[in-house]
Amino acid sequence: MPLMILCSIPMPTGQEWGLIVFAYLLGSIPFGFILARLKGVNLHTFGSGNIGATNTSRAIGKPLGLLAFTLDFLKGYAPYAWLVPAFGGDGMDPRVLGVIMGGAATCGHVWPVFLRFKGGKAVATGCGALVAHAPTVFLLGGVGFLIAAFSTGFVSLASIIMVCLFPLIAYEEMDTEIYGMEVVWGTIAFALLVIWRHRENLKRLFSGLEPSIHKSKKSKDS
C-alpha cells in the first residue's frame, strides 16, 4: 500500500524542484547558531552541541532562545503557507508539494549545508510545517507535549511523545477538504526523524542523566 501511494504521486518538475531546494536552503539557516555567535557563544561546543532552541536558551537566555524557536518554526511554516500560494507549481497537488517542501525545510534544519550538515533536532521546524497544513493536529499534540513535559520534567521525552501523537491525531482528524493522507505520512516521517535525532536523549533518560526542568526549578529556588 505505501508503495502504491508513492507511485501515484507525480514527481516534482521544473519550478517545483526549485521551490523544494529553496525550502531546504531556508531550513538550513541556523538562527540559533547565529544568535549565539552574536553573543560570543559557539553552540557546537556548548551543552549538548545542538543548534536548536533548547540549547540556545541554555547558552544565551530564554528570550533569545524563544526568538530562535520562532524563527526555526517559521522556516517550516513558510513553504506551504507563503511560498506555495505565491509561486505554485507545475502541476503537483499544492498540498503534497507543501508537505515535501516542509520536509525539505526540516531536513535543512537537521542537516544545514551552511554548518557542514550539523544541525538541530527537527522539532521546531517540523511543527511549523505541520501548523501550516493542520493546526488542529499541532494543538492537540501540543496538549500532549505540555502534559508530558510538566508531569515528567523532560522536554526531550515530551517532544517524542508529541510527535508520536501527531500521526494518530492527523489520521483521526483527517478531512479531505483540508488535508489528506499526505499529512499523515508526513507526520509519520517527522516522528521517526525526531525519535532518531533524540537517540542520545533517550540514552540519557535510561541512564538517569537527562536534564529535568523540575531539577532546574529546584536549583533556582534553593
N, C-alpha and C. Protein backbone atom coordinates (compact mmCIF):
# COMPACT_ATOMS: atom_id res chain seq x y z
N MET A 1 0.81 -1.22 0.00
CA MET A 1 0.00 0.00 0.00
C MET A 1 0.85 1.28 0.00
N PRO A 2 1.85 1.42 0.91
CA PRO A 2 2.68 2.63 0.88
C PRO A 2 3.36 2.83 -0.48
N LEU A 3 3.83 1.69 -1.11
CA LEU A 3 4.50 1.80 -2.39
C LEU A 3 3.54 2.28 -3.46
N MET A 4 2.29 1.81 -3.41
CA MET A 4 1.28 2.24 -4.39
C MET A 4 1.00 3.73 -4.24
N ILE A 5 0.94 4.21 -2.99
CA ILE A 5 0.69 5.63 -2.76
C ILE A 5 1.83 6.46 -3.31
N LEU A 6 3.07 6.02 -3.04
CA LEU A 6 4.24 6.76 -3.51
C LEU A 6 4.28 6.78 -5.03
N CYS A 7 3.92 5.66 -5.66
CA CYS A 7 3.96 5.59 -7.12
C CYS A 7 2.90 6.48 -7.76
N SER A 8 1.81 6.75 -7.02
CA SER A 8 0.73 7.57 -7.57
C SER A 8 1.00 9.06 -7.46
N ILE A 9 2.05 9.44 -6.70
CA ILE A 9 2.40 10.85 -6.55
C ILE A 9 3.31 11.27 -7.69
N PRO A 10 2.93 12.30 -8.44
CA PRO A 10 3.78 12.74 -9.55
C PRO A 10 5.10 13.30 -9.06
N MET A 11 6.15 13.07 -9.83
CA MET A 11 7.46 13.61 -9.48
C MET A 11 7.48 15.12 -9.69
N PRO A 12 8.16 15.86 -8.79
CA PRO A 12 8.27 17.31 -8.99
C PRO A 12 9.00 17.61 -10.30
N THR A 13 8.61 18.69 -10.93
CA THR A 13 9.25 19.10 -12.17
C THR A 13 9.48 20.61 -12.15
N GLY A 14 10.46 21.05 -12.90
CA GLY A 14 10.67 22.48 -13.12
C GLY A 14 10.69 23.31 -11.87
N GLN A 15 9.72 24.24 -11.78
CA GLN A 15 9.66 25.19 -10.68
C GLN A 15 9.49 24.51 -9.34
N GLU A 16 8.83 23.34 -9.33
CA GLU A 16 8.63 22.62 -8.07
C GLU A 16 9.95 22.21 -7.45
N TRP A 17 10.89 21.74 -8.27
CA TRP A 17 12.21 21.39 -7.75
C TRP A 17 12.90 22.62 -7.18
N GLY A 18 12.72 23.76 -7.85
CA GLY A 18 13.31 25.00 -7.35
C GLY A 18 12.75 25.38 -5.99
N LEU A 19 11.44 25.21 -5.81
CA LEU A 19 10.81 25.51 -4.53
C LEU A 19 11.29 24.57 -3.43
N ILE A 20 11.46 23.30 -3.77
CA ILE A 20 11.93 22.32 -2.78
C ILE A 20 13.36 22.64 -2.34
N VAL A 21 14.21 22.96 -3.31
CA VAL A 21 15.60 23.32 -2.98
C VAL A 21 15.63 24.60 -2.14
N PHE A 22 14.79 25.57 -2.52
CA PHE A 22 14.74 26.82 -1.75
C PHE A 22 14.28 26.55 -0.32
N ALA A 23 13.29 25.66 -0.16
CA ALA A 23 12.81 25.32 1.18
C ALA A 23 13.93 24.69 2.01
N TYR A 24 14.73 23.83 1.38
CA TYR A 24 15.86 23.23 2.09
C TYR A 24 16.86 24.30 2.52
N LEU A 25 17.19 25.22 1.62
CA LEU A 25 18.15 26.28 1.95
C LEU A 25 17.60 27.19 3.04
N LEU A 26 16.29 27.47 2.99
CA LEU A 26 15.66 28.26 4.04
C LEU A 26 15.78 27.55 5.38
N GLY A 27 15.50 26.24 5.37
CA GLY A 27 15.62 25.46 6.59
C GLY A 27 17.04 25.38 7.12
N SER A 28 18.01 25.55 6.22
CA SER A 28 19.42 25.45 6.60
C SER A 28 19.93 26.67 7.35
N ILE A 29 19.17 27.77 7.33
CA ILE A 29 19.63 28.97 8.03
C ILE A 29 19.64 28.70 9.53
N PRO A 30 20.80 28.69 10.18
CA PRO A 30 20.91 28.29 11.60
C PRO A 30 20.70 29.47 12.54
N PHE A 31 19.45 29.85 12.74
CA PHE A 31 19.16 31.06 13.51
C PHE A 31 19.71 30.99 14.94
N GLY A 32 19.53 29.85 15.60
CA GLY A 32 20.05 29.73 16.95
C GLY A 32 21.55 29.89 17.00
N PHE A 33 22.23 29.26 16.05
CA PHE A 33 23.69 29.34 15.98
C PHE A 33 24.13 30.78 15.75
N ILE A 34 23.42 31.50 14.86
CA ILE A 34 23.77 32.89 14.55
C ILE A 34 23.57 33.78 15.78
N LEU A 35 22.42 33.62 16.45
CA LEU A 35 22.15 34.43 17.63
C LEU A 35 23.19 34.18 18.72
N ALA A 36 23.57 32.93 18.90
CA ALA A 36 24.57 32.61 19.91
C ALA A 36 25.94 33.18 19.54
N ARG A 37 26.27 33.11 18.26
CA ARG A 37 27.55 33.66 17.80
C ARG A 37 27.63 35.16 18.06
N LEU A 38 26.49 35.84 17.88
CA LEU A 38 26.46 37.28 18.15
C LEU A 38 26.73 37.58 19.62
N LYS A 39 26.48 36.59 20.47
CA LYS A 39 26.76 36.73 21.91
C LYS A 39 28.10 36.11 22.29
N GLY A 40 28.86 35.67 21.27
CA GLY A 40 30.18 35.11 21.52
C GLY A 40 30.18 33.66 21.95
N VAL A 41 29.08 32.93 21.68
CA VAL A 41 28.97 31.53 22.07
C VAL A 41 28.90 30.64 20.84
N ASN A 42 29.66 29.58 20.84
CA ASN A 42 29.61 28.58 19.77
C ASN A 42 28.75 27.42 20.26
N LEU A 43 27.53 27.28 19.72
CA LEU A 43 26.62 26.25 20.18
C LEU A 43 27.16 24.84 19.97
N HIS A 44 28.03 24.67 18.99
CA HIS A 44 28.58 23.34 18.73
C HIS A 44 29.49 22.87 19.87
N THR A 45 29.95 23.81 20.67
CA THR A 45 30.83 23.45 21.78
C THR A 45 30.19 23.74 23.14
N PHE A 46 28.90 24.09 23.13
CA PHE A 46 28.21 24.41 24.38
C PHE A 46 27.13 23.36 24.66
N GLY A 47 27.04 22.91 25.90
CA GLY A 47 25.98 21.99 26.30
C GLY A 47 25.93 20.74 25.46
N SER A 48 24.75 20.51 24.85
CA SER A 48 24.56 19.32 24.01
C SER A 48 25.21 19.44 22.65
N GLY A 49 25.66 20.66 22.30
CA GLY A 49 26.24 20.88 20.98
C GLY A 49 25.21 21.06 19.90
N ASN A 50 23.93 21.10 20.28
CA ASN A 50 22.83 21.24 19.33
C ASN A 50 22.55 22.70 19.05
N ILE A 51 22.10 23.01 17.83
CA ILE A 51 21.84 24.41 17.46
C ILE A 51 20.38 24.80 17.64
N GLY A 52 19.57 23.92 18.22
CA GLY A 52 18.14 24.20 18.38
C GLY A 52 17.86 25.16 19.52
N ALA A 53 16.55 25.43 19.69
CA ALA A 53 16.13 26.45 20.64
C ALA A 53 16.45 26.09 22.08
N THR A 54 16.37 24.81 22.44
CA THR A 54 16.62 24.42 23.83
C THR A 54 18.05 24.72 24.24
N ASN A 55 19.01 24.31 23.43
CA ASN A 55 20.41 24.58 23.76
C ASN A 55 20.72 26.06 23.63
N THR A 56 20.04 26.73 22.70
CA THR A 56 20.21 28.18 22.56
C THR A 56 19.76 28.89 23.83
N SER A 57 18.63 28.46 24.39
CA SER A 57 18.13 29.07 25.63
C SER A 57 19.11 28.88 26.77
N ARG A 58 19.69 27.70 26.86
CA ARG A 58 20.66 27.43 27.92
C ARG A 58 21.91 28.26 27.74
N ALA A 59 22.26 28.53 26.49
CA ALA A 59 23.52 29.23 26.21
C ALA A 59 23.41 30.74 26.35
N ILE A 60 22.31 31.32 25.85
CA ILE A 60 22.23 32.79 25.79
C ILE A 60 20.94 33.35 26.38
N GLY A 61 20.18 32.52 27.08
CA GLY A 61 18.99 33.00 27.76
C GLY A 61 17.69 32.66 27.04
N LYS A 62 16.61 32.63 27.83
CA LYS A 62 15.31 32.22 27.29
C LYS A 62 14.72 33.18 26.25
N PRO A 63 14.87 34.50 26.40
CA PRO A 63 14.30 35.38 25.36
C PRO A 63 14.87 35.12 23.97
N LEU A 64 16.19 35.00 23.88
CA LEU A 64 16.80 34.72 22.57
C LEU A 64 16.54 33.28 22.15
N GLY A 65 16.40 32.39 23.11
CA GLY A 65 16.02 31.02 22.80
C GLY A 65 14.64 30.96 22.18
N LEU A 66 13.72 31.76 22.73
CA LEU A 66 12.36 31.84 22.18
C LEU A 66 12.38 32.44 20.78
N LEU A 67 13.24 33.44 20.57
CA LEU A 67 13.37 34.03 19.24
C LEU A 67 13.88 32.99 18.25
N ALA A 68 14.88 32.22 18.67
CA ALA A 68 15.42 31.16 17.81
C ALA A 68 14.33 30.14 17.46
N PHE A 69 13.53 29.76 18.47
CA PHE A 69 12.44 28.81 18.22
C PHE A 69 11.45 29.38 17.21
N THR A 70 11.09 30.65 17.38
CA THR A 70 10.11 31.28 16.47
C THR A 70 10.62 31.30 15.04
N LEU A 71 11.88 31.67 14.86
CA LEU A 71 12.46 31.72 13.52
C LEU A 71 12.58 30.33 12.92
N ASP A 72 12.98 29.35 13.73
CA ASP A 72 13.06 27.96 13.25
C ASP A 72 11.66 27.45 12.88
N PHE A 73 10.67 27.82 13.67
CA PHE A 73 9.28 27.45 13.41
C PHE A 73 8.82 28.02 12.07
N LEU A 74 9.14 29.28 11.82
CA LEU A 74 8.72 29.92 10.57
C LEU A 74 9.39 29.31 9.35
N LYS A 75 10.57 28.73 9.52
CA LYS A 75 11.23 28.05 8.40
C LYS A 75 10.37 26.91 7.88
N GLY A 76 9.67 26.23 8.79
CA GLY A 76 8.79 25.15 8.38
C GLY A 76 7.43 25.64 7.93
N TYR A 77 6.97 26.73 8.53
CA TYR A 77 5.65 27.27 8.22
C TYR A 77 5.59 27.94 6.85
N ALA A 78 6.65 28.65 6.49
CA ALA A 78 6.64 29.47 5.29
C ALA A 78 6.43 28.72 3.98
N PRO A 79 7.04 27.54 3.77
CA PRO A 79 6.90 26.90 2.46
C PRO A 79 5.47 26.70 1.99
N TYR A 80 4.62 26.12 2.85
CA TYR A 80 3.24 25.86 2.42
C TYR A 80 2.34 27.09 2.59
N ALA A 81 2.56 27.86 3.66
CA ALA A 81 1.69 28.99 3.94
C ALA A 81 1.97 30.19 3.04
N TRP A 82 3.23 30.39 2.66
CA TRP A 82 3.60 31.58 1.90
C TRP A 82 4.13 31.29 0.50
N LEU A 83 5.04 30.31 0.38
CA LEU A 83 5.70 30.10 -0.90
C LEU A 83 4.82 29.39 -1.93
N VAL A 84 4.11 28.34 -1.52
CA VAL A 84 3.26 27.62 -2.47
C VAL A 84 2.16 28.52 -3.03
N PRO A 85 1.43 29.30 -2.20
CA PRO A 85 0.42 30.20 -2.77
C PRO A 85 1.01 31.26 -3.69
N ALA A 86 2.23 31.71 -3.38
CA ALA A 86 2.84 32.78 -4.17
C ALA A 86 3.40 32.28 -5.50
N PHE A 87 3.99 31.09 -5.50
CA PHE A 87 4.69 30.62 -6.70
C PHE A 87 4.07 29.38 -7.33
N GLY A 88 3.28 28.63 -6.54
CA GLY A 88 2.62 27.44 -7.08
C GLY A 88 3.60 26.41 -7.57
N GLY A 89 3.15 25.59 -8.50
CA GLY A 89 3.99 24.54 -9.06
C GLY A 89 3.61 24.27 -10.50
N ASP A 90 4.15 23.20 -11.04
CA ASP A 90 3.89 22.88 -12.44
C ASP A 90 2.75 21.88 -12.62
N GLY A 91 2.09 21.48 -11.56
CA GLY A 91 1.02 20.52 -11.70
C GLY A 91 0.83 19.61 -10.50
N MET A 92 1.81 19.53 -9.62
CA MET A 92 1.67 18.71 -8.41
C MET A 92 0.62 19.32 -7.49
N ASP A 93 -0.11 18.46 -6.80
CA ASP A 93 -1.09 18.91 -5.82
C ASP A 93 -0.39 19.84 -4.83
N PRO A 94 -0.88 21.09 -4.66
CA PRO A 94 -0.21 22.05 -3.77
C PRO A 94 -0.01 21.51 -2.35
N ARG A 95 -0.96 20.70 -1.87
CA ARG A 95 -0.84 20.17 -0.51
C ARG A 95 0.31 19.16 -0.41
N VAL A 96 0.44 18.33 -1.44
CA VAL A 96 1.55 17.37 -1.47
C VAL A 96 2.87 18.11 -1.60
N LEU A 97 2.91 19.09 -2.51
CA LEU A 97 4.12 19.90 -2.68
C LEU A 97 4.48 20.58 -1.37
N GLY A 98 3.47 21.08 -0.65
CA GLY A 98 3.73 21.75 0.61
C GLY A 98 4.33 20.82 1.65
N VAL A 99 3.84 19.56 1.70
CA VAL A 99 4.40 18.58 2.63
C VAL A 99 5.86 18.28 2.28
N ILE A 100 6.14 18.14 0.98
CA ILE A 100 7.52 17.87 0.55
C ILE A 100 8.42 19.04 0.89
N MET A 101 7.92 20.26 0.67
CA MET A 101 8.72 21.44 0.98
C MET A 101 8.93 21.59 2.48
N GLY A 102 7.88 21.28 3.28
CA GLY A 102 8.04 21.32 4.73
C GLY A 102 9.07 20.30 5.19
N GLY A 103 9.05 19.12 4.55
CA GLY A 103 10.05 18.10 4.86
C GLY A 103 11.44 18.55 4.47
N ALA A 104 11.55 19.25 3.32
CA ALA A 104 12.85 19.75 2.87
C ALA A 104 13.39 20.79 3.84
N ALA A 105 12.51 21.69 4.32
CA ALA A 105 12.94 22.70 5.29
C ALA A 105 13.39 22.05 6.59
N THR A 106 12.65 21.03 7.02
CA THR A 106 13.02 20.31 8.25
C THR A 106 14.36 19.62 8.10
N CYS A 107 14.57 19.00 6.92
CA CYS A 107 15.87 18.36 6.66
C CYS A 107 16.98 19.40 6.62
N GLY A 108 16.66 20.59 6.12
CA GLY A 108 17.65 21.66 6.11
C GLY A 108 18.05 22.06 7.52
N HIS A 109 17.08 22.08 8.43
CA HIS A 109 17.38 22.41 9.82
C HIS A 109 18.24 21.33 10.48
N VAL A 110 17.94 20.08 10.16
CA VAL A 110 18.68 18.96 10.74
C VAL A 110 20.06 18.81 10.12
N TRP A 111 20.13 18.98 8.80
CA TRP A 111 21.39 18.85 8.06
C TRP A 111 21.67 20.12 7.25
N PRO A 112 21.99 21.24 7.94
CA PRO A 112 22.19 22.52 7.25
C PRO A 112 23.48 22.55 6.43
N VAL A 113 23.34 22.90 5.18
CA VAL A 113 24.52 22.96 4.31
C VAL A 113 25.50 24.03 4.79
N PHE A 114 24.99 25.06 5.50
CA PHE A 114 25.84 26.16 5.95
C PHE A 114 26.68 25.80 7.17
N LEU A 115 26.35 24.69 7.83
CA LEU A 115 27.11 24.26 9.02
C LEU A 115 27.65 22.85 8.85
N ARG A 116 27.99 22.50 7.62
CA ARG A 116 28.53 21.18 7.32
C ARG A 116 27.60 20.06 7.80
N PHE A 117 26.30 20.31 7.65
CA PHE A 117 25.25 19.32 7.91
C PHE A 117 25.15 18.92 9.38
N LYS A 118 25.57 19.80 10.27
CA LYS A 118 25.48 19.55 11.71
C LYS A 118 24.44 20.50 12.30
N GLY A 119 23.18 20.02 12.40
CA GLY A 119 22.10 20.92 12.77
C GLY A 119 21.31 20.51 13.99
N GLY A 120 20.01 20.86 13.96
CA GLY A 120 19.14 20.69 15.11
C GLY A 120 18.40 19.36 15.11
N LYS A 121 17.34 19.31 15.92
CA LYS A 121 16.64 18.04 16.14
C LYS A 121 15.26 17.99 15.49
N ALA A 122 14.94 18.96 14.66
CA ALA A 122 13.77 18.92 13.77
C ALA A 122 12.47 19.40 14.37
N VAL A 123 12.36 19.50 15.70
CA VAL A 123 11.05 19.72 16.32
C VAL A 123 10.42 21.04 15.90
N ALA A 124 11.11 22.16 16.08
CA ALA A 124 10.51 23.47 15.82
C ALA A 124 10.13 23.62 14.35
N THR A 125 11.03 23.30 13.44
CA THR A 125 10.77 23.47 12.02
C THR A 125 9.67 22.52 11.54
N GLY A 126 9.72 21.27 12.00
CA GLY A 126 8.69 20.32 11.62
C GLY A 126 7.32 20.73 12.14
N CYS A 127 7.26 21.27 13.34
CA CYS A 127 6.00 21.74 13.90
C CYS A 127 5.46 22.93 13.10
N GLY A 128 6.36 23.79 12.64
CA GLY A 128 5.94 24.90 11.80
C GLY A 128 5.29 24.42 10.53
N ALA A 129 5.87 23.39 9.91
CA ALA A 129 5.30 22.81 8.69
C ALA A 129 3.93 22.21 8.98
N LEU A 130 3.78 21.55 10.13
CA LEU A 130 2.51 20.93 10.47
C LEU A 130 1.43 21.98 10.70
N VAL A 131 1.76 23.07 11.37
CA VAL A 131 0.78 24.13 11.63
C VAL A 131 0.25 24.70 10.32
N ALA A 132 1.11 24.83 9.33
CA ALA A 132 0.68 25.36 8.04
C ALA A 132 -0.37 24.46 7.38
N HIS A 133 -0.26 23.16 7.60
CA HIS A 133 -1.17 22.20 6.98
C HIS A 133 -2.37 21.87 7.85
N ALA A 134 -2.12 21.61 9.14
CA ALA A 134 -3.17 21.11 10.02
C ALA A 134 -2.97 21.64 11.44
N PRO A 135 -3.34 22.90 11.70
CA PRO A 135 -3.08 23.49 13.01
C PRO A 135 -3.77 22.74 14.16
N THR A 136 -4.94 22.15 13.89
CA THR A 136 -5.64 21.41 14.95
C THR A 136 -4.81 20.22 15.43
N VAL A 137 -4.16 19.55 14.49
CA VAL A 137 -3.31 18.41 14.84
C VAL A 137 -2.18 18.87 15.75
N PHE A 138 -1.58 19.99 15.40
CA PHE A 138 -0.49 20.52 16.23
C PHE A 138 -1.00 20.90 17.62
N LEU A 139 -2.15 21.55 17.70
CA LEU A 139 -2.66 21.98 19.00
C LEU A 139 -2.98 20.79 19.91
N LEU A 140 -3.60 19.76 19.34
CA LEU A 140 -3.92 18.58 20.15
C LEU A 140 -2.65 17.84 20.58
N GLY A 141 -1.69 17.73 19.67
CA GLY A 141 -0.41 17.13 20.02
C GLY A 141 0.33 17.97 21.03
N GLY A 142 0.18 19.30 20.92
CA GLY A 142 0.82 20.21 21.86
C GLY A 142 0.32 20.03 23.28
N VAL A 143 -0.96 19.68 23.42
CA VAL A 143 -1.51 19.39 24.75
C VAL A 143 -0.78 18.19 25.35
N GLY A 144 -0.55 17.18 24.51
CA GLY A 144 0.21 16.01 24.97
C GLY A 144 1.62 16.38 25.39
N PHE A 145 2.23 17.32 24.64
CA PHE A 145 3.57 17.79 24.99
C PHE A 145 3.57 18.44 26.37
N LEU A 146 2.61 19.34 26.61
CA LEU A 146 2.56 20.05 27.89
C LEU A 146 2.34 19.10 29.05
N ILE A 147 1.43 18.16 28.86
CA ILE A 147 1.15 17.19 29.94
C ILE A 147 2.40 16.37 30.24
N ALA A 148 3.06 15.90 29.18
CA ALA A 148 4.27 15.07 29.36
C ALA A 148 5.41 15.89 29.96
N ALA A 149 5.58 17.12 29.50
CA ALA A 149 6.69 17.94 29.99
C ALA A 149 6.54 18.27 31.46
N PHE A 150 5.33 18.66 31.88
CA PHE A 150 5.14 19.06 33.28
C PHE A 150 5.04 17.86 34.22
N SER A 151 4.60 16.71 33.70
CA SER A 151 4.48 15.54 34.57
C SER A 151 5.81 14.80 34.72
N THR A 152 6.62 14.79 33.66
CA THR A 152 7.90 14.07 33.73
C THR A 152 9.08 14.99 33.97
N GLY A 153 8.98 16.24 33.50
CA GLY A 153 10.09 17.18 33.63
C GLY A 153 11.10 17.10 32.51
N PHE A 154 10.85 16.21 31.53
CA PHE A 154 11.81 16.03 30.44
C PHE A 154 11.24 16.56 29.12
N VAL A 155 11.84 17.64 28.61
CA VAL A 155 11.38 18.23 27.35
C VAL A 155 11.60 17.27 26.19
N SER A 156 12.72 16.56 26.21
CA SER A 156 13.02 15.62 25.13
C SER A 156 11.98 14.52 25.04
N LEU A 157 11.61 13.95 26.18
CA LEU A 157 10.59 12.90 26.20
C LEU A 157 9.24 13.44 25.76
N ALA A 158 8.92 14.65 26.21
CA ALA A 158 7.65 15.28 25.82
C ALA A 158 7.61 15.51 24.31
N SER A 159 8.75 15.90 23.73
CA SER A 159 8.81 16.11 22.28
C SER A 159 8.56 14.81 21.53
N ILE A 160 9.15 13.72 22.02
CA ILE A 160 8.97 12.42 21.38
C ILE A 160 7.52 11.97 21.48
N ILE A 161 6.92 12.14 22.65
CA ILE A 161 5.52 11.77 22.83
C ILE A 161 4.63 12.58 21.90
N MET A 162 4.90 13.87 21.80
CA MET A 162 4.10 14.75 20.95
C MET A 162 4.14 14.30 19.49
N VAL A 163 5.34 14.07 18.95
CA VAL A 163 5.43 13.72 17.53
C VAL A 163 4.85 12.33 17.25
N CYS A 164 4.84 11.46 18.26
CA CYS A 164 4.21 10.15 18.08
C CYS A 164 2.68 10.28 18.06
N LEU A 165 2.16 11.30 18.74
CA LEU A 165 0.72 11.55 18.73
C LEU A 165 0.26 12.15 17.40
N PHE A 166 1.13 12.91 16.75
CA PHE A 166 0.74 13.61 15.52
C PHE A 166 0.12 12.71 14.46
N PRO A 167 0.75 11.58 14.07
CA PRO A 167 0.14 10.75 13.02
C PRO A 167 -1.23 10.20 13.42
N LEU A 168 -1.37 9.83 14.69
CA LEU A 168 -2.65 9.29 15.17
C LEU A 168 -3.74 10.36 15.10
N ILE A 169 -3.41 11.56 15.54
CA ILE A 169 -4.37 12.65 15.52
C ILE A 169 -4.67 13.06 14.08
N ALA A 170 -3.62 13.12 13.25
CA ALA A 170 -3.80 13.50 11.85
C ALA A 170 -4.75 12.55 11.13
N TYR A 171 -4.59 11.27 11.39
CA TYR A 171 -5.47 10.28 10.75
C TYR A 171 -6.90 10.41 11.27
N GLU A 172 -7.04 10.60 12.58
CA GLU A 172 -8.36 10.69 13.19
C GLU A 172 -9.10 11.95 12.75
N GLU A 173 -8.36 13.06 12.61
CA GLU A 173 -8.97 14.35 12.27
C GLU A 173 -8.98 14.63 10.78
N MET A 174 -8.55 13.70 9.96
CA MET A 174 -8.38 13.95 8.52
C MET A 174 -9.69 14.37 7.86
N ASP A 175 -9.62 15.46 7.14
CA ASP A 175 -10.74 15.98 6.36
C ASP A 175 -10.19 16.30 4.97
N THR A 176 -10.64 15.59 3.95
CA THR A 176 -10.05 15.72 2.62
C THR A 176 -10.17 17.14 2.05
N GLU A 177 -11.08 17.94 2.60
CA GLU A 177 -11.19 19.33 2.14
C GLU A 177 -10.06 20.18 2.72
N ILE A 178 -9.47 19.71 3.81
CA ILE A 178 -8.37 20.46 4.46
C ILE A 178 -7.03 19.81 4.15
N TYR A 179 -6.92 18.50 4.42
CA TYR A 179 -5.70 17.76 4.11
C TYR A 179 -6.04 16.28 3.96
N GLY A 180 -5.14 15.56 3.32
CA GLY A 180 -5.35 14.13 3.10
C GLY A 180 -4.25 13.30 3.72
N MET A 181 -4.03 12.11 3.15
CA MET A 181 -3.05 11.19 3.69
C MET A 181 -1.63 11.72 3.60
N GLU A 182 -1.40 12.75 2.77
CA GLU A 182 -0.04 13.29 2.67
C GLU A 182 0.43 13.82 4.02
N VAL A 183 -0.48 14.37 4.81
CA VAL A 183 -0.11 14.89 6.13
C VAL A 183 0.13 13.73 7.10
N VAL A 184 -0.66 12.68 7.00
CA VAL A 184 -0.45 11.51 7.86
C VAL A 184 0.93 10.91 7.61
N TRP A 185 1.27 10.70 6.33
CA TRP A 185 2.59 10.15 6.00
C TRP A 185 3.70 11.11 6.39
N GLY A 186 3.43 12.41 6.23
CA GLY A 186 4.43 13.40 6.62
C GLY A 186 4.70 13.39 8.11
N THR A 187 3.63 13.25 8.92
CA THR A 187 3.82 13.22 10.38
C THR A 187 4.49 11.92 10.83
N ILE A 188 4.27 10.83 10.11
CA ILE A 188 4.97 9.59 10.43
C ILE A 188 6.47 9.76 10.21
N ALA A 189 6.83 10.33 9.05
CA ALA A 189 8.25 10.57 8.75
C ALA A 189 8.85 11.54 9.76
N PHE A 190 8.09 12.55 10.15
CA PHE A 190 8.54 13.53 11.13
C PHE A 190 8.80 12.86 12.48
N ALA A 191 7.89 12.00 12.90
CA ALA A 191 8.05 11.31 14.18
C ALA A 191 9.30 10.43 14.18
N LEU A 192 9.51 9.70 13.10
CA LEU A 192 10.69 8.82 13.02
C LEU A 192 11.97 9.64 13.06
N LEU A 193 11.97 10.80 12.37
CA LEU A 193 13.16 11.65 12.35
C LEU A 193 13.45 12.21 13.75
N VAL A 194 12.42 12.67 14.43
CA VAL A 194 12.61 13.25 15.77
C VAL A 194 13.10 12.19 16.75
N ILE A 195 12.53 10.99 16.69
CA ILE A 195 12.99 9.92 17.58
C ILE A 195 14.45 9.61 17.32
N TRP A 196 14.82 9.52 16.05
CA TRP A 196 16.22 9.22 15.71
C TRP A 196 17.15 10.35 16.17
N ARG A 197 16.72 11.59 16.02
CA ARG A 197 17.56 12.72 16.43
C ARG A 197 17.67 12.84 17.95
N HIS A 198 16.74 12.21 18.67
CA HIS A 198 16.77 12.26 20.13
C HIS A 198 17.33 10.97 20.73
N ARG A 199 18.05 10.19 19.95
CA ARG A 199 18.54 8.91 20.46
C ARG A 199 19.51 9.09 21.63
N GLU A 200 20.32 10.16 21.62
CA GLU A 200 21.22 10.41 22.75
C GLU A 200 20.44 10.81 23.99
N ASN A 201 19.36 11.58 23.78
CA ASN A 201 18.50 11.94 24.91
C ASN A 201 17.87 10.70 25.53
N LEU A 202 17.47 9.76 24.68
CA LEU A 202 16.87 8.52 25.18
C LEU A 202 17.88 7.73 26.01
N LYS A 203 19.12 7.71 25.55
CA LYS A 203 20.17 7.02 26.31
C LYS A 203 20.35 7.66 27.68
N ARG A 204 20.34 9.01 27.71
CA ARG A 204 20.49 9.71 28.98
C ARG A 204 19.27 9.51 29.89
N LEU A 205 18.09 9.42 29.27
CA LEU A 205 16.89 9.16 30.06
C LEU A 205 16.98 7.81 30.77
N PHE A 206 17.40 6.79 30.02
CA PHE A 206 17.50 5.45 30.59
C PHE A 206 18.61 5.36 31.65
N SER A 207 19.62 6.21 31.52
CA SER A 207 20.72 6.18 32.49
C SER A 207 20.53 7.20 33.61
N GLY A 208 19.45 7.97 33.55
CA GLY A 208 19.16 8.95 34.59
C GLY A 208 19.98 10.21 34.52
N LEU A 209 20.53 10.52 33.35
CA LEU A 209 21.40 11.69 33.21
C LEU A 209 20.77 12.84 32.42
N GLU A 210 19.53 12.65 31.95
CA GLU A 210 18.88 13.69 31.15
C GLU A 210 18.47 14.87 32.03
N PRO A 211 18.78 16.12 31.61
CA PRO A 211 18.39 17.29 32.40
C PRO A 211 16.87 17.38 32.54
N SER A 212 16.41 17.77 33.72
CA SER A 212 14.98 17.89 34.00
C SER A 212 14.64 19.34 34.31
N ILE A 213 13.51 19.80 33.80
CA ILE A 213 13.08 21.17 34.11
C ILE A 213 12.69 21.28 35.58
N HIS A 214 12.26 20.19 36.18
CA HIS A 214 11.93 20.21 37.61
C HIS A 214 13.18 20.46 38.46
N LYS A 215 14.29 19.80 38.10
CA LYS A 215 15.53 20.00 38.83
C LYS A 215 16.04 21.41 38.66
N SER A 216 15.87 21.97 37.46
CA SER A 216 16.31 23.36 37.21
C SER A 216 15.56 24.33 38.10
N LYS A 217 14.23 24.09 38.24
CA LYS A 217 13.44 24.98 39.09
C LYS A 217 13.84 24.86 40.55
N LYS A 218 14.12 23.62 40.99
CA LYS A 218 14.51 23.40 42.39
C LYS A 218 15.83 24.09 42.70
N SER A 219 16.79 24.01 41.73
CA SER A 219 18.11 24.61 41.95
C SER A 219 18.00 26.13 42.03
N LYS A 220 17.03 26.71 41.28
CA LYS A 220 16.87 28.17 41.33
C LYS A 220 16.21 28.59 42.64
N ASP A 221 15.29 27.73 43.13
CA ASP A 221 14.58 28.08 44.36
C ASP A 221 15.47 27.93 45.61
N SER A 222 16.46 27.04 45.53
CA SER A 222 17.30 26.77 46.71
C SER A 222 18.38 27.82 46.90
